């Protein structure tokens, strides 16, 4: 073999090694991209599930807040207050006496 053909063979095998290395790098890059894509998709699904649960919990609390507001309004209604006063045995009076700080009426008795 002449030195020229030997150098061509050497260049050809060196060229093949370069292509193999380049293909390996491309495969590794594609594998890494697919792996990171799967991680991000999983994170997105997890976040979506958490948002759905939080929205459901928020709506439940909103409904409970509305029902408690209606219950408060019902308990503070004049009709209900009259019923509570009557159940305690209280009666209406026309003679109301207010205690002052200056008068020590309650202590003297």
PDB file of N, CA and C in Angstrom:
ATOM      1  N   UNK A   1       0.824  -1.178   0.000  1.00  0.00           N
ATOM      2  CA  UNK A   1       0.000   0.000   0.000  1.00  0.00           C
ATOM      3  C   UNK A   1       0.862   1.231   0.000  1.00  0.00           C
ATOM      4  N   UNK A   2       0.392   2.149  -0.718  1.00  0.00           N
ATOM      5  CA  UNK A   2       1.159   3.384  -0.784  1.00  0.00           C
ATOM      6  C   UNK A   2       0.783   4.278   0.387  1.00  0.00           C
ATOM      7  N   UNK A   3       1.634   5.198   0.717  1.00  0.00           N
ATOM      8  CA  UNK A   3       1.328   6.104   1.826  1.00  0.00           C
ATOM      9  C   UNK A   3       0.062   6.913   1.569  1.00  0.00           C
ATOM     10  N   UNK A   4      -0.248   7.176   0.322  1.00  0.00           N
ATOM     11  CA  UNK A   4      -1.445   7.958   0.001  1.00  0.00           C
ATOM     12  C   UNK A   4      -2.706   7.185   0.370  1.00  0.00           C
ATOM     13  N   UNK A   5      -2.777   5.927   0.021  1.00  0.00           N
ATOM     14  CA  UNK A   5      -3.955   5.123   0.328  1.00  0.00           C
ATOM     15  C   UNK A   5      -4.074   4.885   1.820  1.00  0.00           C
ATOM     16  N   UNK A   6      -2.935   4.753   2.491  1.00  0.00           N
ATOM     17  CA  UNK A   6      -2.987   4.576   3.939  1.00  0.00           C
ATOM     18  C   UNK A   6      -3.574   5.821   4.609  1.00  0.00           C
ATOM     19  N   UNK A   7      -3.164   6.988   4.123  1.00  0.00           N
ATOM     20  CA  UNK A   7      -3.671   8.224   4.732  1.00  0.00           C
ATOM     21  C   UNK A   7      -5.161   8.391   4.446  1.00  0.00           C
ATOM     22  N   UNK A   8      -5.619   7.932   3.265  1.00  0.00           N
ATOM     23  CA  UNK A   8      -7.046   8.008   2.952  1.00  0.00           C
ATOM     24  C   UNK A   8      -7.843   7.082   3.867  1.00  0.00           C
ATOM     25  N   UNK A   9      -7.317   5.872   4.117  1.00  0.00           N
ATOM     26  CA  UNK A   9      -7.987   4.938   5.006  1.00  0.00           C
ATOM     27  C   UNK A   9      -8.077   5.527   6.406  1.00  0.00           C
ATOM     28  N   UNK A  10      -6.999   6.140   6.827  1.00  0.00           N
ATOM     29  CA  UNK A  10      -6.960   6.729   8.161  1.00  0.00           C
ATOM     30  C   UNK A  10      -7.994   7.849   8.270  1.00  0.00           C
ATOM     31  N   UNK A  11      -8.062   8.680   7.247  1.00  0.00           N
ATOM     32  CA  UNK A  11      -9.038   9.776   7.244  1.00  0.00           C
ATOM     33  C   UNK A  11     -10.467   9.244   7.209  1.00  0.00           C
ATOM     34  N   UNK A  12     -10.673   8.131   6.469  1.00  0.00           N
ATOM     35  CA  UNK A  12     -12.010   7.563   6.373  1.00  0.00           C
ATOM     36  C   UNK A  12     -12.454   7.004   7.725  1.00  0.00           C
ATOM     37  N   UNK A  13     -11.593   6.284   8.411  1.00  0.00           N
ATOM     38  CA  UNK A  13     -11.969   5.727   9.707  1.00  0.00           C
ATOM     39  C   UNK A  13     -12.115   6.842  10.738  1.00  0.00           C
ATOM     40  N   UNK A  14     -11.312   7.867  10.640  1.00  0.00           N
ATOM     41  CA  UNK A  14     -11.418   9.020  11.538  1.00  0.00           C
ATOM     42  C   UNK A  14     -12.736   9.755  11.288  1.00  0.00           C
ATOM     43  N   UNK A  15     -13.125   9.839  10.020  1.00  0.00           N
ATOM     44  CA  UNK A  15     -14.391  10.474   9.646  1.00  0.00           C
ATOM     45  C   UNK A  15     -15.568   9.667  10.202  1.00  0.00           C
ATOM     46  N   UNK A  16     -15.490   8.324  10.128  1.00  0.00           N
ATOM     47  CA  UNK A  16     -16.547   7.463  10.669  1.00  0.00           C
ATOM     48  C   UNK A  16     -16.660   7.624  12.181  1.00  0.00           C
ATOM     49  N   UNK A  17     -15.535   7.739  12.857  1.00  0.00           N
ATOM     50  CA  UNK A  17     -15.569   7.939  14.304  1.00  0.00           C
ATOM     51  C   UNK A  17     -16.250   9.267  14.646  1.00  0.00           C
ATOM     52  N   UNK A  18     -15.990  10.273  13.862  1.00  0.00           N
ATOM     53  CA  UNK A  18     -16.618  11.580  14.081  1.00  0.00           C
ATOM     54  C   UNK A  18     -18.131  11.508  13.902  1.00  0.00           C
ATOM     55  N   UNK A  19     -18.581  10.774  12.869  1.00  0.00           N
ATOM     56  CA  UNK A  19     -20.018  10.622  12.643  1.00  0.00           C
ATOM     57  C   UNK A  19     -20.674   9.834  13.770  1.00  0.00           C
ATOM     58  N   UNK A  20     -19.997   8.800  14.242  1.00  0.00           N
ATOM     59  CA  UNK A  20     -20.537   8.005  15.351  1.00  0.00           C
ATOM     60  C   UNK A  20     -20.652   8.869  16.601  1.00  0.00           C
ATOM     61  N   UNK A  21     -19.627   9.650  16.861  1.00  0.00           N
ATOM     62  CA  UNK A  21     -19.649  10.543  18.025  1.00  0.00           C
ATOM     63  C   UNK A  21     -20.763  11.581  17.887  1.00  0.00           C
ATOM     64  N   UNK A  22     -20.917  12.140  16.698  1.00  0.00           N
ATOM     65  CA  UNK A  22     -21.964  13.134  16.456  1.00  0.00           C
ATOM     66  C   UNK A  22     -23.349  12.514  16.630  1.00  0.00           C
ATOM     67  N   UNK A  23     -23.554  11.311  16.109  1.00  0.00           N
ATOM     68  CA  UNK A  23     -24.838  10.624  16.277  1.00  0.00           C
ATOM     69  C   UNK A  23     -25.116  10.332  17.748  1.00  0.00           C
ATOM     70  N   UNK A  24     -24.096   9.917  18.471  1.00  0.00           N
ATOM     71  CA  UNK A  24     -24.257   9.639  19.899  1.00  0.00           C
ATOM     72  C   UNK A  24     -24.650  10.902  20.654  1.00  0.00           C
ATOM     73  N   UNK A  25     -24.018  12.012  20.323  1.00  0.00           N
ATOM     74  CA  UNK A  25     -24.346  13.284  20.972  1.00  0.00           C
ATOM     75  C   UNK A  25     -25.784  13.678  20.653  1.00  0.00           C
ATOM     76  N   UNK A  26     -26.202  13.522  19.404  1.00  0.00           N
ATOM     77  CA  UNK A  26     -27.588  13.849  19.034  1.00  0.00           C
ATOM     78  C   UNK A  26     -28.586  12.972  19.785  1.00  0.00           C
ATOM     79  N   UNK A  27     -28.304  11.689  19.900  1.00  0.00           N
ATOM     80  CA  UNK A  27     -29.197  10.776  20.617  1.00  0.00           C
ATOM     81  C   UNK A  27     -29.281  11.182  22.083  1.00  0.00           C
ATOM     82  N   UNK A  28     -28.152  11.519  22.696  1.00  0.00           N
ATOM     83  CA  UNK A  28     -28.158  11.953  24.095  1.00  0.00           C
ATOM     84  C   UNK A  28     -28.938  13.257  24.277  1.00  0.00           C
ATOM     85  N   UNK A  29     -28.776  14.177  23.355  1.00  0.00           N
ATOM     86  CA  UNK A  29     -29.512  15.447  23.434  1.00  0.00           C
ATOM     87  C   UNK A  29     -31.014  15.186  23.311  1.00  0.00           C
ATOM     88  N   UNK A  30     -31.408  14.352  22.375  1.00  0.00           N
ATOM     89  CA  UNK A  30     -32.830  14.037  22.200  1.00  0.00           C
ATOM     90  C   UNK A  30     -33.371  13.338  23.441  1.00  0.00           C
ATOM     91  N   UNK A  31     -32.608  12.413  24.013  1.00  0.00           N
ATOM     92  CA  UNK A  31     -33.023  11.724  25.233  1.00  0.00           C
ATOM     93  C   UNK A  31     -33.216  12.725  26.378  1.00  0.00           C
ATOM     94  N   UNK A  32     -32.280  13.649  26.532  1.00  0.00           N
ATOM     95  CA  UNK A  32     -32.399  14.665  27.597  1.00  0.00           C
ATOM     96  C   UNK A  32     -33.618  15.558  27.375  1.00  0.00           C
ATOM     97  N   UNK A  33     -33.861  15.959  26.133  1.00  0.00           N
ATOM     98  CA  UNK A  33     -35.022  16.800  25.839  1.00  0.00           C
ATOM     99  C   UNK A  33     -36.327  16.069  26.143  1.00  0.00           C
ATOM    100  N   UNK A  34     -36.412  14.806  25.778  1.00  0.00           N
ATOM    101  CA  UNK A  34     -37.614  14.016  26.065  1.00  0.00           C
ATOM    102  C   UNK A  34     -37.793  13.864  27.570  1.00  0.00           C
ATOM    103  N   UNK A  35     -36.706  13.617  28.288  1.00  0.00           N
ATOM    104  CA  UNK A  35     -36.765  13.464  29.740  1.00  0.00           C
ATOM    105  C   UNK A  35     -37.260  14.752  30.403  1.00  0.00           C
ATOM    106  N   UNK A  36     -36.700  15.896  30.027  1.00  0.00           N
ATOM    107  CA  UNK A  36     -37.142  17.168  30.610  1.00  0.00           C
ATOM    108  C   UNK A  36     -38.577  17.505  30.213  1.00  0.00           C
ATOM    109  N   UNK A  37     -38.969  17.129  29.007  1.00  0.00           N
ATOM    110  CA  UNK A  37     -40.350  17.345  28.577  1.00  0.00           C
ATOM    111  C   UNK A  37     -41.312  16.532  29.448  1.00  0.00           C
ATOM    112  N   UNK A  38     -40.972  15.290  29.736  1.00  0.00           N
ATOM    113  CA  UNK A  38     -41.817  14.451  30.593  1.00  0.00           C
ATOM    114  C   UNK A  38     -41.915  15.026  32.000  1.00  0.00           C
ATOM    115  N   UNK A  39     -40.814  15.542  32.507  1.00  0.00           N
ATOM    116  CA  UNK A  39     -40.833  16.156  33.841  1.00  0.00           C
ATOM    117  C   UNK A  39     -41.766  17.365  33.849  1.00  0.00           C
ATOM    118  N   UNK A  40     -41.689  18.195  32.829  1.00  0.00           N
ATOM    119  CA  UNK A  40     -42.533  19.389  32.783  1.00  0.00           C
ATOM    120  C   UNK A  40     -44.005  19.036  32.589  1.00  0.00           C
ATOM    121  N   UNK A  41     -44.295  18.047  31.791  1.00  0.00           N
ATOM    122  CA  UNK A  41     -45.686  17.620  31.602  1.00  0.00           C
ATOM    123  C   UNK A  41     -46.244  17.084  32.912  1.00  0.00           C
ATOM    124  N   UNK A  42     -45.450  16.313  33.631  1.00  0.00           N
ATOM    125  CA  UNK A  42     -45.875  15.784  34.924  1.00  0.00           C
ATOM    126  C   UNK A  42     -46.134  16.925  35.912  1.00  0.00           C
ATOM    127  N   UNK A  43     -45.261  17.909  35.931  1.00  0.00           N
ATOM    128  CA  UNK A  43     -45.445  19.065  36.818  1.00  0.00           C
ATOM    129  C   UNK A  43     -46.699  19.851  36.440  1.00  0.00           C
ATOM    130  N   UNK A  44     -46.955  19.991  35.157  1.00  0.00           N
ATOM    131  CA  UNK A  44     -48.145  20.700  34.688  1.00  0.00           C
ATOM    132  C   UNK A  44     -49.420  19.965  35.107  1.00  0.00           C
ATOM    133  N   UNK A  45     -49.423  18.661  34.985  1.00  0.00           N
ATOM    134  CA  UNK A  45     -50.593  17.870  35.384  1.00  0.00           C
ATOM    135  C   UNK A  45     -50.811  17.973  36.884  1.00  0.00           C
ATOM    136  N   UNK A  46     -49.734  17.920  37.641  1.00  0.00           N
ATOM    137  CA  UNK A  46     -49.835  18.036  39.098  1.00  0.00           C
ATOM    138  C   UNK A  46     -50.385  19.404  39.499  1.00  0.00           C
ATOM    139  N   UNK A  47     -49.909  20.456  38.860  1.00  0.00           N
ATOM    140  CA  UNK A  47     -50.409  21.805  39.155  1.00  0.00           C
ATOM    141  C   UNK A  47     -51.881  21.942  38.779  1.00  0.00           C
ATOM    142  N   UNK A  48     -52.264  21.365  37.659  1.00  0.00           N
ATOM    143  CA  UNK A  48     -53.662  21.414  37.231  1.00  0.00           C
ATOM    144  C   UNK A  48     -54.564  20.710  38.238  1.00  0.00           C
ATOM    145  N   UNK A  49     -54.131  19.571  38.734  1.00  0.00           N
ATOM    146  CA  UNK A  49     -54.897  18.825  39.740  1.00  0.00           C
ATOM    147  C   UNK A  49     -55.036  19.645  41.018  1.00  0.00           C
ATOM    148  N   UNK A  50     -53.950  20.289  41.434  1.00  0.00           N
ATOM    149  CA  UNK A  50     -53.984  21.103  42.651  1.00  0.00           C
ATOM    150  C   UNK A  50     -54.903  22.317  42.471  1.00  0.00           C
ATOM    151  N   UNK A  51     -54.872  22.949  41.319  1.00  0.00           N
ATOM    152  CA  UNK A  51     -55.750  24.095  41.050  1.00  0.00           C
ATOM    153  C   UNK A  51     -57.213  23.657  41.085  1.00  0.00           C
ATOM    154  N   UNK A  52     -57.508  22.503  40.504  1.00  0.00           N
ATOM    155  CA  UNK A  52     -58.882  22.004  40.496  1.00  0.00           C
ATOM    156  C   UNK A  52     -59.372  21.732  41.921  1.00  0.00           C
ATOM    157  N   UNK A  53     -58.515  21.127  42.755  1.00  0.00           N
ATOM    158  CA  UNK A  53     -58.897  20.860  44.146  1.00  0.00           C
ATOM    159  C   UNK A  53     -59.089  22.154  44.930  1.00  0.00           C
ATOM    160  N   UNK A  54     -58.203  23.124  44.719  1.00  0.00           N
ATOM    161  CA  UNK A  54     -58.334  24.402  45.424  1.00  0.00           C
ATOM    162  C   UNK A  54     -59.594  25.146  44.993  1.00  0.00           C
ATOM    163  N   UNK A  55     -59.941  25.082  43.715  1.00  0.00           N
ATOM    164  CA  UNK A  55     -61.156  25.729  43.226  1.00  0.00           C
ATOM    165  C   UNK A  55     -62.391  25.070  43.834  1.00  0.00           C
ATOM    166  N   UNK A  56     -62.375  23.745  43.913  1.00  0.00           N
ATOM    167  CA  UNK A  56     -63.497  23.020  44.511  1.00  0.00           C
ATOM    168  C   UNK A  56     -63.649  23.400  45.985  1.00  0.00           C
ATOM    169  N   UNK A  57     -62.544  23.444  46.708  1.00  0.00           N
ATOM    170  CA  UNK A  57     -62.579  23.810  48.130  1.00  0.00           C
ATOM    171  C   UNK A  57     -63.054  25.254  48.305  1.00  0.00           C
ATOM    172  N   UNK A  58     -62.604  26.151  47.419  1.00  0.00           N
ATOM    173  CA  UNK A  58     -63.026  27.552  47.468  1.00  0.00           C
ATOM    174  C   UNK A  58     -64.531  27.673  47.272  1.00  0.00           C
ATOM    175  N   UNK A  59     -65.076  26.937  46.314  1.00  0.00           N
ATOM    176  CA  UNK A  59     -66.523  26.993  46.059  1.00  0.00           C
ATOM    177  C   UNK A  59     -67.316  26.442  47.238  1.00  0.00           C
ATOM    178  N   UNK A  60     -66.800  25.377  47.871  1.00  0.00           N
ATOM    179  CA  UNK A  60     -67.481  24.834  49.054  1.00  0.00           C
ATOM    180  C   UNK A  60     -67.493  25.861  50.188  1.00  0.00           C
ATOM    181  N   UNK A  61     -66.362  26.519  50.403  1.00  0.00           N
ATOM    182  CA  UNK A  61     -66.294  27.533  51.459  1.00  0.00           C
ATOM    183  C   UNK A  61     -67.186  28.733  51.144  1.00  0.00           C
ATOM    184  N   UNK A  62     -67.283  29.070  49.872  1.00  0.00           N
ATOM    185  CA  UNK A  62     -68.138  30.184  49.453  1.00  0.00           C
ATOM    186  C   UNK A  62     -69.607  29.866  49.746  1.00  0.00           C
ATOM    187  N   UNK A  63     -70.032  28.645  49.435  1.00  0.00           N
ATOM    188  CA  UNK A  63     -71.417  28.237  49.713  1.00  0.00           C
ATOM    189  C   UNK A  63     -71.684  28.214  51.217  1.00  0.00           C
ATOM    190  N   UNK A  64     -70.727  27.715  51.984  1.00  0.00           N
ATOM    191  CA  UNK A  64     -70.891  27.670  53.437  1.00  0.00           C
ATOM    192  C   UNK A  64     -70.972  29.085  54.007  1.00  0.00           C
ATOM    193  N   UNK A  65     -70.174  29.995  53.477  1.00  0.00           N
ATOM    194  CA  UNK A  65     -70.205  31.389  53.923  1.00  0.00           C
ATOM    195  C   UNK A  65     -71.566  32.016  53.640  1.00  0.00           C
ATOM    196  N   UNK A  66     -72.127  31.734  52.474  1.00  0.00           N
ATOM    197  CA  UNK A  66     -73.449  32.267  52.141  1.00  0.00           C
ATOM    198  C   UNK A  66     -74.518  31.703  53.069  1.00  0.00           C
ATOM    199  N   UNK A  67     -74.449  30.410  53.353  1.00  0.00           N
ATOM    200  CA  UNK A  67     -75.461  29.818  54.239  1.00  0.00           C
ATOM    201  C   UNK A  67     -75.319  30.364  55.659  1.00  0.00           C
ATOM    202  N   UNK A  68     -74.086  30.592  56.114  1.00  0.00           N
ATOM    203  CA  UNK A  68     -73.896  31.183  57.443  1.00  0.00           C
ATOM    204  C   UNK A  68     -74.387  32.629  57.479  1.00  0.00           C
ATOM    205  N   UNK A  69     -74.201  33.351  56.386  1.00  0.00           N
ATOM    206  CA  UNK A  69     -74.717  34.721  56.309  1.00  0.00           C
ATOM    207  C   UNK A  69     -76.231  34.752  56.399  1.00  0.00           C
ATOM    208  N   UNK A  70     -76.884  33.799  55.724  1.00  0.00           N
ATOM    209  CA  UNK A  70     -78.351  33.730  55.805  1.00  0.00           C
ATOM    210  C   UNK A  70     -78.800  33.342  57.207  1.00  0.00           C
ATOM    211  N   UNK A  71     -78.065  32.445  57.847  1.00  0.00           N
ATOM    212  CA  UNK A  71     -78.410  32.041  59.208  1.00  0.00           C
ATOM    213  C   UNK A  71     -78.257  33.211  60.182  1.00  0.00           C
ATOM    214  N   UNK A  72     -77.213  34.008  60.009  1.00  0.00           N
ATOM    215  CA  UNK A  72     -77.025  35.193  60.859  1.00  0.00           C
ATOM    216  C   UNK A  72     -78.168  36.175  60.655  1.00  0.00           C
ATOM    217  N   UNK A  73     -78.527  36.414  59.396  1.00  0.00           N
ATOM    218  CA  UNK A  73     -79.629  37.340  59.112  1.00  0.00           C
ATOM    219  C   UNK A  73     -80.933  36.837  59.723  1.00  0.00           C
ATOM    220  N   UNK A  74     -81.150  35.542  59.669  1.00  0.00           N
ATOM    221  CA  UNK A  74     -82.373  34.974  60.235  1.00  0.00           C
ATOM    222  C   UNK A  74     -82.373  35.110  61.754  1.00  0.00           C
ATOM    223  N   UNK A  75     -81.234  34.845  62.389  1.00  0.00           N
ATOM    224  CA  UNK A  75     -81.171  34.938  63.851  1.00  0.00           C
ATOM    225  C   UNK A  75     -81.294  36.382  64.342  1.00  0.00           C
ATOM    226  N   UNK A  76     -80.886  37.346  63.528  1.00  0.00           N
ATOM    227  CA  UNK A  76     -80.957  38.744  63.936  1.00  0.00           C
ATOM    228  C   UNK A  76     -82.255  39.423  63.508  1.00  0.00           C
ATOM    229  N   UNK A  77     -83.153  38.684  62.911  1.00  0.00           N
ATOM    230  CA  UNK A  77     -84.415  39.284  62.480  1.00  0.00           C
ATOM    231  C   UNK A  77     -85.255  39.662  63.700  1.00  0.00           C
ATOM    232  N   UNK A  78     -86.054  40.725  63.586  1.00  0.00           N
ATOM    233  CA  UNK A  78     -86.874  41.168  64.722  1.00  0.00           C
ATOM    234  C   UNK A  78     -87.838  40.093  65.221  1.00  0.00           C
ATOM    235  N   UNK A  79     -88.391  39.309  64.337  1.00  0.00           N
ATOM    236  CA  UNK A  79     -89.335  38.263  64.743  1.00  0.00           C
ATOM    237  C   UNK A  79     -88.619  37.235  65.616  1.00  0.00           C
ATOM    238  N   UNK A  80     -87.438  36.823  65.186  1.00  0.00           N
ATOM    239  CA  UNK A  80     -86.679  35.836  65.949  1.00  0.00           C
ATOM    240  C   UNK A  80     -86.224  36.417  67.289  1.00  0.00           C
ATOM    241  N   UNK A  81     -85.826  37.687  67.301  1.00  0.00           N
ATOM    242  CA  UNK A  81     -85.412  38.315  68.560  1.00  0.00           C
ATOM    243  C   UNK A  81     -86.577  38.377  69.545  1.00  0.00           C
ATOM    244  N   UNK A  82     -87.787  38.672  69.052  1.00  0.00           N
ATOM    245  CA  UNK A  82     -88.969  38.678  69.929  1.00  0.00           C
ATOM    246  C   UNK A  82     -89.211  37.291  70.521  1.00  0.00           C
ATOM    247  N   UNK A  83     -89.052  36.251  69.714  1.00  0.00           N
ATOM    248  CA  UNK A  83     -89.237  34.887  70.212  1.00  0.00           C
ATOM    249  C   UNK A  83     -88.204  34.550  71.287  1.00  0.00           C
ATOM    250  N   UNK A  84     -86.967  34.975  71.094  1.00  0.00           N
ATOM    251  CA  UNK A  84     -85.913  34.710  72.079  1.00  0.00           C
ATOM    252  C   UNK A  84     -86.201  35.453  73.376  1.00  0.00           C
ATOM    253  N   UNK A  85     -86.635  36.711  73.266  1.00  0.00           N
ATOM    254  CA  UNK A  85     -86.958  37.505  74.458  1.00  0.00           C
ATOM    255  C   UNK A  85     -88.095  36.848  75.231  1.00  0.00           C
ATOM    256  N   UNK A  86     -89.114  36.382  74.534  1.00  0.00           N
ATOM    257  CA  UNK A  86     -90.242  35.729  75.207  1.00  0.00           C
ATOM    258  C   UNK A  86     -89.827  34.399  75.837  1.00  0.00           C
ATOM    259  N   UNK A  87     -88.920  33.682  75.202  1.00  0.00           N
ATOM    260  CA  UNK A  87     -88.481  32.406  75.775  1.00  0.00           C
ATOM    261  C   UNK A  87     -87.679  32.610  77.060  1.00  0.00           C
ATOM    262  N   UNK A  88     -87.039  33.760  77.221  1.00  0.00           N
ATOM    263  CA  UNK A  88     -86.325  34.075  78.462  1.00  0.00           C
ATOM    264  C   UNK A  88     -87.261  34.642  79.530  1.00  0.00           C
ATOM    265  N   UNK A  89     -88.495  34.867  79.181  1.00  0.00           N
ATOM    266  CA  UNK A  89     -89.471  35.383  80.138  1.00  0.00           C
ATOM    267  C   UNK A  89     -89.351  36.882  80.367  1.00  0.00           C
ATOM    268  N   UNK A  90     -88.794  37.600  79.457  1.00  0.00           N
ATOM    269  CA  UNK A  90     -88.655  39.052  79.590  1.00  0.00           C
ATOM    270  C   UNK A  90     -89.946  39.720  79.138  1.00  0.00           C
ATOM    271  N   UNK A  91     -90.226  40.872  79.729  1.00  0.00           N
ATOM    272  CA  UNK A  91     -91.420  41.633  79.358  1.00  0.00           C
ATOM    273  C   UNK A  91     -91.009  43.053  79.027  1.00  0.00           C
ATOM    274  N   UNK A  92     -91.847  43.731  78.252  1.00  0.00           N
ATOM    275  CA  UNK A  92     -91.582  45.124  77.898  1.00  0.00           C
ATOM    276  C   UNK A  92     -91.898  46.015  79.089  1.00  0.00           C
ATOM    277  N   UNK A  93     -91.128  47.066  79.217  1.00  0.00           N
ATOM    278  CA  UNK A  93     -91.364  48.021  80.292  1.00  0.00           C
ATOM    279  C   UNK A  93     -91.337  49.433  79.731  1.00  0.00           C
ATOM    280  N   UNK A  94     -92.110  50.297  80.368  1.00  0.00           N
ATOM    281  CA  UNK A  94     -92.112  51.697  79.952  1.00  0.00           C
ATOM    282  C   UNK A  94     -91.178  52.523  80.827  1.00  0.00           C
ATOM    283  N   UNK A  95     -90.846  52.023  81.987  1.00  0.00           N
ATOM    284  CA  UNK A  95     -90.030  52.750  82.943  1.00  0.00           C
ATOM    285  C   UNK A  95     -88.591  52.220  82.867  1.00  0.00           C
ATOM    286  N   UNK A  96     -87.746  52.907  82.117  1.00  0.00           N
ATOM    287  CA  UNK A  96     -86.363  52.477  81.938  1.00  0.00           C
ATOM    288  C   UNK A  96     -85.465  53.364  82.787  1.00  0.00           C
ATOM    289  N   UNK A  97     -84.593  52.754  83.570  1.00  0.00           N
ATOM    290  CA  UNK A  97     -83.645  53.498  84.406  1.00  0.00           C
ATOM    291  C   UNK A  97     -82.241  53.175  83.904  1.00  0.00           C
ATOM    292  N   UNK A  98     -81.511  54.234  83.563  1.00  0.00           N
ATOM    293  CA  UNK A  98     -80.134  54.076  83.111  1.00  0.00           C
ATOM    294  C   UNK A  98     -79.191  54.401  84.259  1.00  0.00           C
ATOM    295  N   UNK A  99     -78.112  53.663  84.385  1.00  0.00           N
ATOM    296  CA  UNK A  99     -77.113  53.910  85.415  1.00  0.00           C
ATOM    297  C   UNK A  99     -76.040  54.817  84.847  1.00  0.00           C
ATOM    298  N   UNK A 100     -75.653  55.822  85.618  1.00  0.00           N
ATOM    299  CA  UNK A 100     -74.582  56.732  85.230  1.00  0.00           C
ATOM    300  C   UNK A 100     -73.320  56.388  85.994  1.00  0.00           C
ATOM    301  N   UNK A 101     -72.194  56.850  85.485  1.00  0.00           N
ATOM    302  CA  UNK A 101     -70.943  56.684  86.208  1.00  0.00           C
ATOM    303  C   UNK A 101     -70.927  57.562  87.456  1.00  0.00           C
ATOM    304  N   UNK A 102     -71.534  58.718  87.358  1.00  0.00           N
ATOM    305  CA  UNK A 102     -71.508  59.674  88.468  1.00  0.00           C
ATOM    306  C   UNK A 102     -72.423  59.231  89.603  1.00  0.00           C
ATOM    307  N   UNK A 103     -73.516  58.606  89.289  1.00  0.00           N
ATOM    308  CA  UNK A 103     -74.435  58.140  90.325  1.00  0.00           C
ATOM    309  C   UNK A 103     -74.055  56.724  90.716  1.00  0.00           C
ATOM    310  N   UNK A 104     -73.939  56.499  91.968  1.00  0.00           N
ATOM    311  CA  UNK A 104     -73.563  55.178  92.455  1.00  0.00           C
ATOM    312  C   UNK A 104     -74.818  54.509  92.995  1.00  0.00           C
ATOM    313  N   UNK A 105     -75.777  54.334  92.148  1.00  0.00           N
ATOM    314  CA  UNK A 105     -77.071  53.803  92.547  1.00  0.00           C
ATOM    315  C   UNK A 105     -76.962  52.306  92.824  1.00  0.00           C
ATOM    316  N   UNK A 106     -76.280  51.607  91.985  1.00  0.00           N
ATOM    317  CA  UNK A 106     -76.221  50.155  92.121  1.00  0.00           C
ATOM    318  C   UNK A 106     -75.412  49.741  93.341  1.00  0.00           C
ATOM    319  N   UNK A 107     -74.417  50.517  93.716  1.00  0.00           N
ATOM    320  CA  UNK A 107     -73.564  50.154  94.848  1.00  0.00           C
ATOM    321  C   UNK A 107     -74.265  50.444  96.171  1.00  0.00           C
ATOM    322  N   UNK A 108     -75.023  51.520  96.266  1.00  0.00           N
ATOM    323  CA  UNK A 108     -75.675  51.900  97.514  1.00  0.00           C
ATOM    324  C   UNK A 108     -76.786  50.955  97.899  1.00  0.00           C
ATOM    325  N   UNK A 109     -77.375  50.295  97.038  1.00  0.00           N
ATOM    326  CA  UNK A 109     -78.504  49.418  97.361  1.00  0.00           C
ATOM    327  C   UNK A 109     -78.058  48.198  97.992  1.00  0.00           C
TER     328      UNK A 109
END
